[in-house]
C-alpha atoms as a PDB file:
ATOM      1  CA  MET A   1      -8.372  -2.129  12.491  1.00  0.00           C
ATOM      2  CA  ILE A   2     -10.310  -0.221   9.825  1.00  0.00           C
ATOM      3  CA  LYS A   3     -10.548   3.526  10.259  1.00  0.00           C
ATOM      4  CA  ARG A   4     -11.971   6.372   8.234  1.00  0.00           C
ATOM      5  CA  VAL A   5      -9.514   8.331   6.115  1.00  0.00           C
ATOM      6  CA  ILE A   6     -11.747  11.008   4.663  1.00  0.00           C
ATOM      7  CA  GLU A   7     -14.052  13.127   6.784  1.00  0.00           C
ATOM      8  CA  GLY A   8     -16.094  15.946   5.334  1.00  0.00           C
ATOM      9  CA  GLY A   9     -14.321  15.534   1.998  1.00  0.00           C
ATOM     10  CA  THR A  10     -10.922  16.423   3.523  1.00  0.00           C
ATOM     11  CA  LEU A  11      -8.097  13.931   3.454  1.00  0.00           C
ATOM     12  CA  MET A  12      -6.591  13.467   6.905  1.00  0.00           C
ATOM     13  CA  ASN A  13      -3.064  12.257   5.914  1.00  0.00           C
ATOM     14  CA  THR A  14      -0.712  12.486   2.944  1.00  0.00           C
ATOM     15  CA  LEU A  15      -1.107   9.659   0.446  1.00  0.00           C
ATOM     16  CA  ASP A  16       1.651   7.977  -1.533  1.00  0.00           C
ATOM     17  CA  LYS A  17       1.145   5.990  -4.724  1.00  0.00           C
ATOM     18  CA  MET A  18       2.420   2.421  -4.461  1.00  0.00           C
ATOM     19  CA  PHE A  19       3.324   0.830  -7.802  1.00  0.00           C
ATOM     20  CA  TYR A  20       5.055  -2.312  -9.047  1.00  0.00           C
ATOM     21  CA  ASN A  21       8.472  -2.085 -10.717  1.00  0.00           C
ATOM     22  CA  PRO A  22       8.852  -5.230 -12.877  1.00  0.00           C
ATOM     23  CA  GLU A  23      12.553  -4.583 -13.550  1.00  0.00           C
ATOM     24  CA  ARG A  24      13.290  -4.813  -9.800  1.00  0.00           C
ATOM     25  CA  ASN A  25      10.437  -7.219  -8.911  1.00  0.00           C
ATOM     26  CA  ARG A  26       9.518  -4.807  -6.100  1.00  0.00           C
ATOM     27  CA  TRP A  27       6.723  -2.539  -5.012  1.00  0.00           C
ATOM     28  CA  SER A  28       7.737   1.094  -4.643  1.00  0.00           C
ATOM     29  CA  VAL A  29       6.241   4.391  -3.607  1.00  0.00           C
ATOM     30  CA  ASP A  30       6.752   7.710  -5.324  1.00  0.00           C
ATOM     31  CA  TYR A  31       8.463   9.815  -2.658  1.00  0.00           C
ATOM     32  CA  GLN A  32       9.081  13.429  -3.711  1.00  0.00           C
ATOM     33  CA  GLY A  33       9.395  12.382  -7.350  1.00  0.00           C
ATOM     34  CA  HIS A  34      11.748   9.449  -6.692  1.00  0.00           C
ATOM     35  CA  PRO A  35      10.865   5.756  -6.412  1.00  0.00           C
ATOM     36  CA  CYS A  36      11.493   4.271  -2.965  1.00  0.00           C
ATOM     37  CA  GLU A  37      11.514   0.453  -2.861  1.00  0.00           C
ATOM     38  CA  LEU A  38       9.460  -1.386  -0.275  1.00  0.00           C
ATOM     39  CA  HIS A  39      10.615  -4.608   1.368  1.00  0.00           C
ATOM     40  CA  CYS A  40       8.926  -7.588   3.037  1.00  0.00           C
ATOM     41  CA  GLY A  41       7.625  -6.828   6.478  1.00  0.00           C
ATOM     42  CA  ILE A  42       7.095  -3.099   5.979  1.00  0.00           C
ATOM     43  CA  GLY A  43       3.868  -1.831   7.470  1.00  0.00           C
ATOM     44  CA  PHE A  44       1.603   0.768   5.896  1.00  0.00           C
ATOM     45  CA  GLU A  45      -2.037   1.707   5.548  1.00  0.00           C
ATOM     46  CA  LEU A  46      -3.765   0.695   2.312  1.00  0.00           C
ATOM     47  CA  ILE A  47      -6.586   2.985   1.164  1.00  0.00           C
ATOM     48  CA  VAL A  48      -9.757   1.131   0.177  1.00  0.00           C
ATOM     49  CA  GLY A  49     -12.564   3.518  -0.699  1.00  0.00           C
ATOM     50  CA  TYR A  50     -13.065   5.807   2.303  1.00  0.00           C
ATOM     51  CA  TYR A  51     -11.197   3.482   4.672  1.00  0.00           C
ATOM     52  CA  CYS A  52      -7.611   2.493   5.331  1.00  0.00           C
ATOM     53  CA  LEU A  53      -6.386  -0.934   6.385  1.00  0.00           C
ATOM     54  CA  LYS A  54      -3.231  -1.455   8.427  1.00  0.00           C
ATOM     55  CA  CYS A  55      -1.209  -3.902   6.307  1.00  0.00           C
ATOM     56  CA  THR A  56       2.119  -5.671   6.114  1.00  0.00           C
ATOM     57  CA  LEU A  57       3.778  -6.285   2.726  1.00  0.00           C
ATOM     58  CA  GLU A  58       4.948  -9.872   2.165  1.00  0.00           C
ATOM     59  CA  PHE A  59       6.283 -12.057  -0.656  1.00  0.00           C
ATOM     60  CA  GLY A  60       5.651 -15.749  -1.312  1.00  0.00           C
ATOM     61  CA  ASN A  61       4.796 -16.968  -4.802  1.00  0.00           C
ATOM     62  CA  CYS A  62       3.672 -13.382  -5.409  1.00  0.00           C
ATOM     63  CA  TRP A  63       3.488 -10.059  -3.540  1.00  0.00           C
ATOM     64  CA  TYR A  64       0.629  -9.738  -1.070  1.00  0.00           C
ATOM     65  CA  VAL A  65      -0.508  -7.811   1.998  1.00  0.00           C
ATOM     66  CA  ILE A  66      -1.814  -9.150   5.282  1.00  0.00           C
ATOM     67  CA  THR A  67      -4.443  -7.223   7.213  1.00  0.00           C
ATOM     68  CA  GLU A  68      -6.440  -8.471  10.193  1.00  0.00           C
ATOM     69  CA  GLY A  69      -5.041 -11.965   9.509  1.00  0.00           C
ATOM     70  CA  VAL A  70      -6.354 -11.979   5.925  1.00  0.00           C
ATOM     71  CA  ARG A  71      -4.093 -12.230   2.866  1.00  0.00           C
ATOM     72  CA  PHE A  72      -4.763 -10.174  -0.271  1.00  0.00           C
ATOM     73  CA  ASN A  73      -2.671 -10.673  -3.414  1.00  0.00           C
ATOM     74  CA  LEU A  74      -1.512  -7.427  -5.043  1.00  0.00           C
ATOM     75  CA  ASN A  75      -2.183  -6.890  -8.739  1.00  0.00           C
ATOM     76  CA  GLU A  76       1.104  -5.868 -10.385  1.00  0.00           C
ATOM     77  CA  LYS A  77      -0.771  -3.867 -13.039  1.00  0.00           C
ATOM     78  CA  GLN A  78      -2.656  -1.879 -10.395  1.00  0.00           C
ATOM     79  CA  GLY A  79      -1.421   1.113  -8.420  1.00  0.00           C
ATOM     80  CA  TYR A  80      -2.518   1.606  -4.807  1.00  0.00           C
ATOM     81  CA  GLN A  81      -2.865   4.597  -2.507  1.00  0.00           C
ATOM     82  CA  VAL A  82      -1.024   4.080   0.782  1.00  0.00           C
ATOM     83  CA  ILE A  83       0.030   5.951   3.896  1.00  0.00           C
ATOM     84  CA  LEU A  84       3.488   4.988   5.131  1.00  0.00           C
END
């Protein structure tokens, strides 16, 4: 389900930055200044513009998320805003 994240210019939840750590071959979030590794099957909300998508992190030939039955490959050089 897609829902609005920002209403009236005010963010409704706290965002975390999700980034790729090539040394560990894992996606992580910056939690209070410390990296926290994410694992397959973890659910979160991915921020896309003014919307957030409920996603599940998965790994096959590469890291990807599944939302609403659709697979999106993650770009390892890109950071993402997420709500855990």
